[in-house]
Amino acid sequence: MNRLTRNIITELTNDIRARGSESSPKPLIIKGERNFSAGADLNEIHTLSGPEAYAFSALGQALMDAIASYPAPIFAAIEGHCMGGGLDVALACQRRIAAPSATFGHRGAALGLITGWGGTQRLPRLIGKGRALELLVAAEKVTARRALQIGLVDAIANDPAAEAIRLIEDLRNTASV
C-alpha cells in the first residue's frame, strides 16, 4: 500500500532535495507499485506521543514543500489507492495522471484524523472549497473519472507513468524549439 512511514518520508525528502540541488534538475515522476500510496502508516501514528506526532507532521510538511518547490515539474503517476497523505503527495506535484482504476480520498475524517501535510490548503485551491469539503470532511472517495471531472487529476491513462514520460518529452521538445 506504500504507507508513508517516517523513514520513507525522510528518504523521499532527501532524494528530492538532492535532485533539486543538481545544476540542471530533471523532471521527476512519483509512482508506487500497484498503489500510489494509502497515506501515513496508521500503526506508526498510533504509537506517537504528542511531541512525536507534531514532529511527524513537520516531517510530512517538509516532504510536501520539497515536492512543491522542486525546480522542475514533478508528475504523480497514480494507480490504485491515492489516499490521505498519499493524496497530499499527489497534490504537491505539478501534474497528476491517473489510471482508470485509481481511487482518491482523504479518509482521515472517518478515522477522526485530519491531514497535517498541507492537503487542507492545496485541495481547495485545486478543486474548489465545496468539492474539497466533500473529500476532507465527508471522507468521500472518488474514482479517476470523477477526479478528472472535478480537476483533481490532469489526465487518465492506462499507463500513467508512460504518459508522464511522454509529457516530459513534450516539455523537452517544446523547450528546445
N, C-alpha and C. Protein backbone atom coordinates (compact mmCIF):
# COMPACT_ATOMS: atom_id res chain seq x y z
N MET A 1 0.83 -1.21 0.00
CA MET A 1 0.00 0.00 0.00
C MET A 1 0.86 1.26 0.00
N ASN A 2 2.18 1.08 0.05
CA ASN A 2 3.11 2.22 0.02
C ASN A 2 2.79 3.23 1.12
N ARG A 3 2.74 2.72 2.34
CA ARG A 3 2.49 3.57 3.50
C ARG A 3 3.65 4.55 3.70
N LEU A 4 3.32 5.73 4.15
CA LEU A 4 4.31 6.78 4.37
C LEU A 4 4.77 6.75 5.83
N THR A 5 5.84 6.03 6.07
CA THR A 5 6.44 5.96 7.41
C THR A 5 7.43 7.11 7.56
N ARG A 6 7.91 7.30 8.77
CA ARG A 6 8.91 8.35 8.99
C ARG A 6 10.15 8.10 8.13
N ASN A 7 10.59 6.85 8.03
CA ASN A 7 11.77 6.54 7.22
C ASN A 7 11.54 6.83 5.74
N ILE A 8 10.40 6.42 5.22
CA ILE A 8 10.09 6.65 3.80
C ILE A 8 10.02 8.15 3.52
N ILE A 9 9.34 8.88 4.38
CA ILE A 9 9.21 10.33 4.18
C ILE A 9 10.58 11.00 4.18
N THR A 10 11.43 10.61 5.11
CA THR A 10 12.77 11.19 5.19
C THR A 10 13.57 10.88 3.94
N GLU A 11 13.52 9.62 3.48
CA GLU A 11 14.26 9.24 2.27
C GLU A 11 13.76 10.00 1.04
N LEU A 12 12.44 10.10 0.88
CA LEU A 12 11.89 10.84 -0.26
C LEU A 12 12.29 12.31 -0.22
N THR A 13 12.18 12.91 0.94
CA THR A 13 12.53 14.33 1.08
C THR A 13 13.99 14.56 0.72
N ASN A 14 14.87 13.73 1.28
CA ASN A 14 16.30 13.88 1.00
C ASN A 14 16.61 13.67 -0.48
N ASP A 15 15.98 12.68 -1.10
CA ASP A 15 16.22 12.40 -2.51
C ASP A 15 15.75 13.57 -3.39
N ILE A 16 14.56 14.07 -3.13
CA ILE A 16 14.04 15.18 -3.94
C ILE A 16 14.89 16.43 -3.75
N ARG A 17 15.28 16.73 -2.52
CA ARG A 17 16.14 17.89 -2.28
C ARG A 17 17.48 17.75 -2.99
N ALA A 18 18.07 16.55 -2.93
CA ALA A 18 19.36 16.33 -3.59
C ALA A 18 19.23 16.50 -5.10
N ARG A 19 18.19 15.95 -5.68
CA ARG A 19 17.99 16.09 -7.12
C ARG A 19 17.70 17.54 -7.50
N GLY A 20 16.99 18.25 -6.63
CA GLY A 20 16.69 19.65 -6.90
C GLY A 20 17.89 20.56 -6.81
N SER A 21 18.92 20.14 -6.08
CA SER A 21 20.11 20.97 -5.95
C SER A 21 21.14 20.70 -7.05
N GLU A 22 20.86 19.76 -7.94
CA GLU A 22 21.76 19.50 -9.07
C GLU A 22 21.80 20.72 -9.97
N SER A 23 22.84 20.84 -10.77
CA SER A 23 22.99 22.02 -11.62
C SER A 23 21.87 22.13 -12.66
N SER A 24 21.34 21.02 -13.10
CA SER A 24 20.25 21.05 -14.07
C SER A 24 19.20 20.00 -13.68
N PRO A 25 18.33 20.34 -12.71
CA PRO A 25 17.35 19.36 -12.23
C PRO A 25 16.43 18.87 -13.35
N LYS A 26 16.17 17.60 -13.36
CA LYS A 26 15.30 16.99 -14.36
C LYS A 26 13.90 16.76 -13.79
N PRO A 27 12.89 16.76 -14.64
CA PRO A 27 11.54 16.42 -14.15
C PRO A 27 11.55 15.04 -13.51
N LEU A 28 10.68 14.85 -12.53
CA LEU A 28 10.58 13.59 -11.81
C LEU A 28 9.18 13.01 -11.93
N ILE A 29 9.10 11.71 -11.73
CA ILE A 29 7.82 11.01 -11.68
C ILE A 29 7.78 10.27 -10.35
N ILE A 30 6.72 10.50 -9.58
CA ILE A 30 6.49 9.77 -8.34
C ILE A 30 5.39 8.76 -8.61
N LYS A 31 5.67 7.50 -8.33
CA LYS A 31 4.68 6.46 -8.53
C LYS A 31 4.90 5.36 -7.50
N GLY A 32 3.93 4.50 -7.36
CA GLY A 32 4.05 3.36 -6.47
C GLY A 32 3.81 2.08 -7.24
N GLU A 33 4.03 0.99 -6.58
CA GLU A 33 3.74 -0.31 -7.18
C GLU A 33 2.31 -0.70 -6.82
N ARG A 34 1.47 -0.87 -7.80
CA ARG A 34 0.06 -1.25 -7.66
C ARG A 34 -0.80 -0.17 -7.00
N ASN A 35 -0.27 0.53 -6.03
CA ASN A 35 -0.97 1.63 -5.37
C ASN A 35 -0.02 2.81 -5.28
N PHE A 36 -0.57 4.00 -5.49
CA PHE A 36 0.26 5.20 -5.34
C PHE A 36 0.69 5.29 -3.88
N SER A 37 -0.27 5.46 -2.99
CA SER A 37 0.00 5.42 -1.56
C SER A 37 -1.32 5.50 -0.80
N ALA A 38 -1.42 4.68 0.22
CA ALA A 38 -2.59 4.73 1.09
C ALA A 38 -2.39 5.74 2.22
N GLY A 39 -1.28 6.46 2.19
CA GLY A 39 -1.03 7.52 3.16
C GLY A 39 -0.16 7.09 4.31
N ALA A 40 -0.24 7.84 5.39
CA ALA A 40 0.60 7.59 6.56
C ALA A 40 0.32 6.21 7.14
N ASP A 41 1.32 5.64 7.73
CA ASP A 41 1.20 4.34 8.38
C ASP A 41 0.48 4.54 9.71
N LEU A 42 -0.79 4.15 9.77
CA LEU A 42 -1.60 4.39 10.96
C LEU A 42 -1.08 3.62 12.17
N ASN A 43 -0.47 2.47 11.95
CA ASN A 43 0.12 1.73 13.07
C ASN A 43 1.26 2.53 13.69
N GLU A 44 2.05 3.19 12.86
CA GLU A 44 3.13 4.03 13.38
C GLU A 44 2.57 5.27 14.07
N ILE A 45 1.58 5.89 13.48
CA ILE A 45 0.97 7.09 14.07
C ILE A 45 0.39 6.79 15.45
N HIS A 46 -0.23 5.63 15.58
CA HIS A 46 -0.89 5.25 16.83
C HIS A 46 0.09 5.22 18.01
N THR A 47 1.36 4.96 17.74
CA THR A 47 2.35 4.86 18.81
C THR A 47 3.00 6.19 19.17
N LEU A 48 2.71 7.26 18.42
CA LEU A 48 3.39 8.53 18.63
C LEU A 48 2.82 9.30 19.82
N SER A 49 3.71 9.90 20.60
CA SER A 49 3.29 10.83 21.66
C SER A 49 2.94 12.16 21.00
N GLY A 50 2.45 13.11 21.78
CA GLY A 50 2.10 14.42 21.25
C GLY A 50 3.26 15.10 20.52
N PRO A 51 4.42 15.24 21.18
CA PRO A 51 5.56 15.87 20.50
C PRO A 51 6.04 15.07 19.28
N GLU A 52 5.98 13.75 19.37
CA GLU A 52 6.38 12.92 18.23
C GLU A 52 5.41 13.10 17.06
N ALA A 53 4.13 13.22 17.36
CA ALA A 53 3.13 13.44 16.31
C ALA A 53 3.35 14.79 15.63
N TYR A 54 3.69 15.79 16.43
CA TYR A 54 3.99 17.11 15.88
C TYR A 54 5.20 17.04 14.95
N ALA A 55 6.24 16.32 15.38
CA ALA A 55 7.44 16.15 14.55
C ALA A 55 7.11 15.38 13.28
N PHE A 56 6.22 14.39 13.36
CA PHE A 56 5.81 13.63 12.18
C PHE A 56 5.08 14.53 11.19
N SER A 57 4.26 15.41 11.70
CA SER A 57 3.55 16.37 10.85
C SER A 57 4.55 17.28 10.14
N ALA A 58 5.53 17.77 10.88
CA ALA A 58 6.56 18.64 10.28
C ALA A 58 7.38 17.89 9.24
N LEU A 59 7.62 16.61 9.47
CA LEU A 59 8.36 15.79 8.52
C LEU A 59 7.58 15.67 7.20
N GLY A 60 6.28 15.41 7.31
CA GLY A 60 5.44 15.34 6.11
C GLY A 60 5.35 16.67 5.38
N GLN A 61 5.26 17.76 6.14
CA GLN A 61 5.23 19.08 5.53
C GLN A 61 6.51 19.38 4.78
N ALA A 62 7.64 18.93 5.32
CA ALA A 62 8.92 19.14 4.64
C ALA A 62 8.95 18.39 3.30
N LEU A 63 8.37 17.18 3.27
CA LEU A 63 8.30 16.45 2.00
C LEU A 63 7.43 17.19 1.00
N MET A 64 6.26 17.64 1.44
CA MET A 64 5.36 18.35 0.52
C MET A 64 6.00 19.62 0.00
N ASP A 65 6.72 20.33 0.87
CA ASP A 65 7.42 21.55 0.45
C ASP A 65 8.54 21.23 -0.55
N ALA A 66 9.25 20.13 -0.32
CA ALA A 66 10.32 19.73 -1.25
C ALA A 66 9.74 19.42 -2.63
N ILE A 67 8.59 18.77 -2.65
CA ILE A 67 7.94 18.45 -3.94
C ILE A 67 7.45 19.73 -4.60
N ALA A 68 6.72 20.54 -3.85
CA ALA A 68 6.11 21.75 -4.42
C ALA A 68 7.14 22.77 -4.88
N SER A 69 8.30 22.82 -4.24
CA SER A 69 9.31 23.82 -4.60
C SER A 69 10.40 23.27 -5.52
N TYR A 70 10.27 22.04 -5.94
CA TYR A 70 11.26 21.44 -6.83
C TYR A 70 11.36 22.28 -8.11
N PRO A 71 12.55 22.55 -8.60
CA PRO A 71 12.73 23.49 -9.72
C PRO A 71 12.33 22.98 -11.10
N ALA A 72 11.89 21.75 -11.21
CA ALA A 72 11.38 21.20 -12.47
C ALA A 72 10.06 20.50 -12.15
N PRO A 73 9.25 20.21 -13.16
CA PRO A 73 7.96 19.56 -12.87
C PRO A 73 8.13 18.19 -12.22
N ILE A 74 7.23 17.90 -11.29
CA ILE A 74 7.11 16.57 -10.72
C ILE A 74 5.72 16.06 -11.06
N PHE A 75 5.67 14.88 -11.67
CA PHE A 75 4.42 14.25 -12.07
C PHE A 75 4.07 13.14 -11.09
N ALA A 76 2.81 13.03 -10.71
CA ALA A 76 2.33 11.90 -9.93
C ALA A 76 1.67 10.93 -10.91
N ALA A 77 2.19 9.72 -11.01
CA ALA A 77 1.61 8.66 -11.84
C ALA A 77 0.86 7.74 -10.89
N ILE A 78 -0.47 7.85 -10.92
CA ILE A 78 -1.30 7.28 -9.86
C ILE A 78 -2.05 6.04 -10.34
N GLU A 79 -1.77 4.94 -9.66
CA GLU A 79 -2.52 3.70 -9.86
C GLU A 79 -3.04 3.26 -8.50
N GLY A 80 -4.15 2.56 -8.49
CA GLY A 80 -4.69 2.04 -7.24
C GLY A 80 -5.12 3.14 -6.30
N HIS A 81 -4.81 2.95 -5.02
CA HIS A 81 -5.24 3.89 -3.99
C HIS A 81 -4.32 5.10 -3.89
N CYS A 82 -4.94 6.26 -3.78
CA CYS A 82 -4.24 7.52 -3.53
C CYS A 82 -5.04 8.20 -2.42
N MET A 83 -4.68 7.87 -1.19
CA MET A 83 -5.48 8.26 -0.03
C MET A 83 -4.66 9.05 0.98
N GLY A 84 -5.33 9.90 1.73
CA GLY A 84 -4.72 10.60 2.85
C GLY A 84 -3.43 11.29 2.49
N GLY A 85 -2.36 10.93 3.18
CA GLY A 85 -1.05 11.51 2.92
C GLY A 85 -0.56 11.23 1.51
N GLY A 86 -0.99 10.12 0.93
CA GLY A 86 -0.65 9.84 -0.47
C GLY A 86 -1.28 10.87 -1.39
N LEU A 87 -2.51 11.27 -1.08
CA LEU A 87 -3.16 12.32 -1.86
C LEU A 87 -2.44 13.65 -1.64
N ASP A 88 -1.97 13.89 -0.42
CA ASP A 88 -1.19 15.11 -0.17
C ASP A 88 0.06 15.14 -1.05
N VAL A 89 0.73 13.99 -1.20
CA VAL A 89 1.90 13.91 -2.08
C VAL A 89 1.49 14.27 -3.51
N ALA A 90 0.42 13.67 -3.99
CA ALA A 90 -0.05 13.94 -5.36
C ALA A 90 -0.42 15.42 -5.53
N LEU A 91 -1.05 16.00 -4.52
CA LEU A 91 -1.44 17.41 -4.60
C LEU A 91 -0.23 18.34 -4.66
N ALA A 92 0.87 17.94 -4.04
CA ALA A 92 2.07 18.77 -4.06
C ALA A 92 2.77 18.72 -5.42
N CYS A 93 2.48 17.68 -6.21
CA CYS A 93 3.07 17.55 -7.55
C CYS A 93 2.44 18.56 -8.50
N GLN A 94 3.17 18.91 -9.55
CA GLN A 94 2.66 19.87 -10.53
C GLN A 94 1.60 19.25 -11.45
N ARG A 95 1.71 17.96 -11.72
CA ARG A 95 0.74 17.28 -12.59
C ARG A 95 0.39 15.94 -11.99
N ARG A 96 -0.87 15.52 -12.21
CA ARG A 96 -1.35 14.24 -11.71
C ARG A 96 -2.01 13.48 -12.85
N ILE A 97 -1.53 12.25 -13.10
CA ILE A 97 -2.09 11.40 -14.14
C ILE A 97 -2.53 10.12 -13.47
N ALA A 98 -3.78 9.73 -13.71
CA ALA A 98 -4.36 8.59 -13.02
C ALA A 98 -4.66 7.44 -13.98
N ALA A 99 -4.53 6.24 -13.47
CA ALA A 99 -5.01 5.06 -14.18
C ALA A 99 -6.54 5.05 -14.06
N PRO A 100 -7.24 4.43 -15.01
CA PRO A 100 -8.71 4.41 -14.94
C PRO A 100 -9.25 3.80 -13.64
N SER A 101 -8.50 2.91 -13.01
CA SER A 101 -8.96 2.24 -11.79
C SER A 101 -8.53 2.95 -10.50
N ALA A 102 -7.86 4.08 -10.61
CA ALA A 102 -7.37 4.79 -9.41
C ALA A 102 -8.55 5.28 -8.56
N THR A 103 -8.31 5.34 -7.26
CA THR A 103 -9.30 5.83 -6.30
C THR A 103 -8.63 6.86 -5.41
N PHE A 104 -9.34 7.95 -5.16
CA PHE A 104 -8.80 9.07 -4.41
C PHE A 104 -9.65 9.35 -3.18
N GLY A 105 -9.02 9.83 -2.13
CA GLY A 105 -9.77 10.23 -0.96
C GLY A 105 -8.88 10.70 0.17
N HIS A 106 -9.51 11.43 1.06
CA HIS A 106 -8.87 11.85 2.30
C HIS A 106 -9.75 11.27 3.40
N ARG A 107 -9.49 10.03 3.75
CA ARG A 107 -10.36 9.26 4.64
C ARG A 107 -10.14 9.56 6.12
N GLY A 108 -9.25 10.49 6.42
CA GLY A 108 -8.92 10.79 7.81
C GLY A 108 -10.12 11.14 8.67
N ALA A 109 -11.07 11.89 8.13
CA ALA A 109 -12.23 12.30 8.91
C ALA A 109 -13.02 11.10 9.41
N ALA A 110 -13.06 10.04 8.62
CA ALA A 110 -13.76 8.83 9.04
C ALA A 110 -13.03 8.15 10.20
N LEU A 111 -11.76 8.48 10.39
CA LEU A 111 -10.95 7.90 11.46
C LEU A 111 -10.69 8.89 12.58
N GLY A 112 -11.27 10.07 12.49
CA GLY A 112 -11.04 11.10 13.49
C GLY A 112 -9.72 11.82 13.33
N LEU A 113 -9.16 11.80 12.11
CA LEU A 113 -7.88 12.43 11.82
C LEU A 113 -8.05 13.54 10.80
N ILE A 114 -7.14 14.47 10.78
CA ILE A 114 -7.10 15.48 9.73
C ILE A 114 -5.66 15.61 9.27
N THR A 115 -5.50 15.86 8.00
CA THR A 115 -4.15 15.95 7.45
C THR A 115 -3.40 17.12 8.05
N GLY A 116 -2.12 16.89 8.28
CA GLY A 116 -1.25 17.96 8.74
C GLY A 116 -0.18 18.27 7.72
N TRP A 117 -0.39 17.81 6.47
CA TRP A 117 0.65 17.92 5.44
C TRP A 117 0.29 18.87 4.31
N GLY A 118 -0.68 19.73 4.51
CA GLY A 118 -0.99 20.73 3.51
C GLY A 118 -2.17 20.41 2.62
N GLY A 119 -2.76 19.25 2.76
CA GLY A 119 -3.90 18.88 1.92
C GLY A 119 -5.10 19.79 2.10
N THR A 120 -5.29 20.31 3.32
CA THR A 120 -6.42 21.20 3.57
C THR A 120 -6.25 22.53 2.85
N GLN A 121 -5.04 22.87 2.45
CA GLN A 121 -4.78 24.09 1.70
C GLN A 121 -4.73 23.82 0.21
N ARG A 122 -4.02 22.78 -0.20
CA ARG A 122 -3.82 22.51 -1.63
C ARG A 122 -5.09 22.02 -2.32
N LEU A 123 -5.85 21.16 -1.64
CA LEU A 123 -7.04 20.60 -2.27
C LEU A 123 -8.08 21.66 -2.64
N PRO A 124 -8.45 22.58 -1.74
CA PRO A 124 -9.41 23.62 -2.13
C PRO A 124 -8.89 24.53 -3.25
N ARG A 125 -7.59 24.80 -3.25
CA ARG A 125 -7.02 25.63 -4.32
C ARG A 125 -7.15 24.95 -5.67
N LEU A 126 -7.06 23.63 -5.66
CA LEU A 126 -7.11 22.88 -6.91
C LEU A 126 -8.54 22.63 -7.39
N ILE A 127 -9.44 22.22 -6.50
CA ILE A 127 -10.77 21.79 -6.94
C ILE A 127 -11.91 22.63 -6.38
N GLY A 128 -11.61 23.64 -5.59
CA GLY A 128 -12.64 24.49 -5.00
C GLY A 128 -13.02 24.02 -3.61
N LYS A 129 -13.50 24.96 -2.83
CA LYS A 129 -13.80 24.71 -1.42
C LYS A 129 -14.89 23.67 -1.22
N GLY A 130 -15.97 23.77 -1.96
CA GLY A 130 -17.10 22.84 -1.79
C GLY A 130 -16.72 21.40 -2.07
N ARG A 131 -16.05 21.18 -3.18
CA ARG A 131 -15.65 19.82 -3.52
C ARG A 131 -14.59 19.31 -2.55
N ALA A 132 -13.70 20.20 -2.12
CA ALA A 132 -12.67 19.80 -1.16
C ALA A 132 -13.31 19.36 0.15
N LEU A 133 -14.35 20.06 0.59
CA LEU A 133 -15.02 19.67 1.82
C LEU A 133 -15.64 18.28 1.70
N GLU A 134 -16.15 17.93 0.52
CA GLU A 134 -16.69 16.59 0.32
C GLU A 134 -15.63 15.54 0.59
N LEU A 135 -14.43 15.80 0.14
CA LEU A 135 -13.34 14.83 0.32
C LEU A 135 -12.78 14.87 1.75
N LEU A 136 -12.60 16.06 2.29
CA LEU A 136 -11.93 16.20 3.58
C LEU A 136 -12.85 15.94 4.77
N VAL A 137 -14.04 16.50 4.75
CA VAL A 137 -14.92 16.39 5.91
C VAL A 137 -15.82 15.16 5.83
N ALA A 138 -16.38 14.91 4.66
CA ALA A 138 -17.26 13.75 4.50
C ALA A 138 -16.50 12.47 4.20
N ALA A 139 -15.18 12.57 4.05
CA ALA A 139 -14.31 11.40 3.78
C ALA A 139 -14.76 10.65 2.53
N GLU A 140 -15.24 11.39 1.53
CA GLU A 140 -15.68 10.78 0.27
C GLU A 140 -14.51 10.22 -0.50
N LYS A 141 -14.74 9.12 -1.20
CA LYS A 141 -13.77 8.58 -2.14
C LYS A 141 -14.28 8.90 -3.54
N VAL A 142 -13.36 9.17 -4.46
CA VAL A 142 -13.77 9.43 -5.84
C VAL A 142 -12.96 8.55 -6.80
N THR A 143 -13.61 8.23 -7.90
CA THR A 143 -12.97 7.44 -8.94
C THR A 143 -12.08 8.34 -9.78
N ALA A 144 -11.28 7.73 -10.63
CA ALA A 144 -10.43 8.51 -11.54
C ALA A 144 -11.28 9.39 -12.45
N ARG A 145 -12.37 8.85 -12.95
CA ARG A 145 -13.25 9.63 -13.84
C ARG A 145 -13.78 10.87 -13.12
N ARG A 146 -14.23 10.69 -11.89
CA ARG A 146 -14.74 11.83 -11.11
C ARG A 146 -13.59 12.80 -10.79
N ALA A 147 -12.42 12.26 -10.47
CA ALA A 147 -11.26 13.11 -10.18
C ALA A 147 -10.93 13.99 -11.38
N LEU A 148 -11.05 13.45 -12.58
CA LEU A 148 -10.80 14.24 -13.79
C LEU A 148 -11.88 15.31 -13.95
N GLN A 149 -13.12 14.95 -13.71
CA GLN A 149 -14.23 15.90 -13.84
C GLN A 149 -14.08 17.09 -12.91
N ILE A 150 -13.61 16.86 -11.69
CA ILE A 150 -13.52 17.95 -10.71
C ILE A 150 -12.17 18.65 -10.73
N GLY A 151 -11.26 18.20 -11.59
CA GLY A 151 -9.96 18.86 -11.72
C GLY A 151 -8.89 18.37 -10.76
N LEU A 152 -9.14 17.25 -10.10
CA LEU A 152 -8.15 16.70 -9.19
C LEU A 152 -6.97 16.08 -9.95
N VAL A 153 -7.25 15.49 -11.11
CA VAL A 153 -6.18 14.96 -11.96
C VAL A 153 -6.22 15.67 -13.31
N ASP A 154 -5.08 15.66 -13.99
CA ASP A 154 -4.96 16.32 -15.28
C ASP A 154 -5.35 15.41 -16.44
N ALA A 155 -5.19 14.09 -16.24
CA ALA A 155 -5.47 13.14 -17.31
C ALA A 155 -5.66 11.75 -16.74
N ILE A 156 -6.28 10.90 -17.53
CA ILE A 156 -6.41 9.48 -17.23
C ILE A 156 -5.70 8.74 -18.35
N ALA A 157 -4.88 7.75 -17.96
CA ALA A 157 -4.15 6.96 -18.95
C ALA A 157 -4.00 5.53 -18.43
N ASN A 158 -4.05 4.58 -19.33
CA ASN A 158 -3.88 3.18 -18.92
C ASN A 158 -2.54 2.96 -18.23
N ASP A 159 -1.51 3.67 -18.67
CA ASP A 159 -0.19 3.59 -18.06
C ASP A 159 0.22 5.01 -17.67
N PRO A 160 -0.11 5.45 -16.45
CA PRO A 160 0.17 6.83 -16.05
C PRO A 160 1.65 7.20 -16.12
N ALA A 161 2.54 6.28 -15.78
CA ALA A 161 3.98 6.59 -15.83
C ALA A 161 4.43 6.82 -17.26
N ALA A 162 3.95 5.98 -18.20
CA ALA A 162 4.30 6.16 -19.61
C ALA A 162 3.76 7.49 -20.13
N GLU A 163 2.58 7.86 -19.70
CA GLU A 163 2.01 9.15 -20.11
C GLU A 163 2.82 10.30 -19.53
N ALA A 164 3.28 10.17 -18.30
CA ALA A 164 4.13 11.20 -17.70
C ALA A 164 5.43 11.34 -18.48
N ILE A 165 6.02 10.22 -18.87
CA ILE A 165 7.24 10.26 -19.67
C ILE A 165 6.99 10.97 -21.00
N ARG A 166 5.85 10.68 -21.62
CA ARG A 166 5.50 11.34 -22.89
C ARG A 166 5.37 12.85 -22.69
N LEU A 167 4.73 13.26 -21.60
CA LEU A 167 4.57 14.69 -21.34
C LEU A 167 5.91 15.36 -21.05
N ILE A 168 6.80 14.66 -20.37
CA ILE A 168 8.14 15.20 -20.11
C ILE A 168 8.89 15.38 -21.42
N GLU A 169 8.78 14.40 -22.30
CA GLU A 169 9.42 14.51 -23.62
C GLU A 169 8.84 15.69 -24.40
N ASP A 170 7.53 15.89 -24.32
CA ASP A 170 6.90 17.04 -24.97
C ASP A 170 7.46 18.35 -24.42
N LEU A 171 7.66 18.40 -23.09
CA LEU A 171 8.24 19.60 -22.48
C LEU A 171 9.65 19.85 -23.00
N ARG A 172 10.43 18.79 -23.11
CA ARG A 172 11.81 18.94 -23.61
C ARG A 172 11.81 19.40 -25.06
N ASN A 173 10.92 18.83 -25.86
CA ASN A 173 10.86 19.22 -27.27
C ASN A 173 10.39 20.66 -27.44
N THR A 174 9.45 21.08 -26.62
CA THR A 174 8.96 22.45 -26.66
C THR A 174 10.06 23.42 -26.21
N ALA A 175 10.82 23.04 -25.19
CA ALA A 175 11.88 23.91 -24.67
C ALA A 175 13.02 24.07 -25.66
N SER A 176 13.24 23.08 -26.51
CA SER A 176 14.36 23.16 -27.45
C SER A 176 13.98 23.86 -28.75
N VAL A 177 12.71 24.20 -28.93
CA VAL A 177 12.28 24.88 -30.16
C VAL A 177 12.61 26.34 -30.11
